[in-house]
Structure formats: C-alpha cells, structure tokens
Amino acid sequence: MLVHSTAVANIKSQIKRNRQNERRRVRNRSVRTALKTHAKRVHTSAQSGEETAAQEEARRASRALDQAASAGVIHKNTAARRKSRLARAASTSS
C-alpha cells in the first residue's frame, strides 16, 4: 500500500522546486488537453467526409504537436507517432 505524505518540504530549494513543478504541471495539462482537442477535430472532420477540412486540421494539429514536443510536454517520438496517425486519418477520410 502506498503512503502519501502530506509533509511540506523544509528546504528552500525544494520549496522553490515544488512551486516550479506545480506551475509546469498546470501548463502542461492545458497543452495536452489542447492536443486532444486538435486530434478530435481531425477525426470529426474525417468522419464527416470533409477531406480538405480534415487535412487543414491535421496541419494545425501537427504544428501544435511540434510545439509541445519542443517545449518538453511530450516526447518528440510521441509527437511524430501522433502526427503520422493524424495524417493517415485525414487522408483516408473519403
């Protein structure tokens, strides 16, 4: 059984690190949520048969994935894998 400690750090550098980690966690969560939204737009456009709209959404999603990877939110290989899947989904929409 895991024990979750409610203790607060006493060391100044660790207190700062905790603040930084919390800010990054919130920012990364919003970025990951936006990535899911981009992917959903690609899939909905592809499902409705709008190939040009799906490809445009795939371009936007690809850019967002690259930005997330360069910021360290997701790994670059994860971004490449997702871009490949989105491109395939957008191209087979018809």
Foldseek 3Di string as FASTA:
>chain_A
DDDDDPDDDPDPVVNVVVVVVVVVVVVLVVLVVVLVVLLVQLLVCLQVLNLVSNVVSLVVSLVSLVVCCVVVSDPPVVSVVSSVVSVVSSVNSD
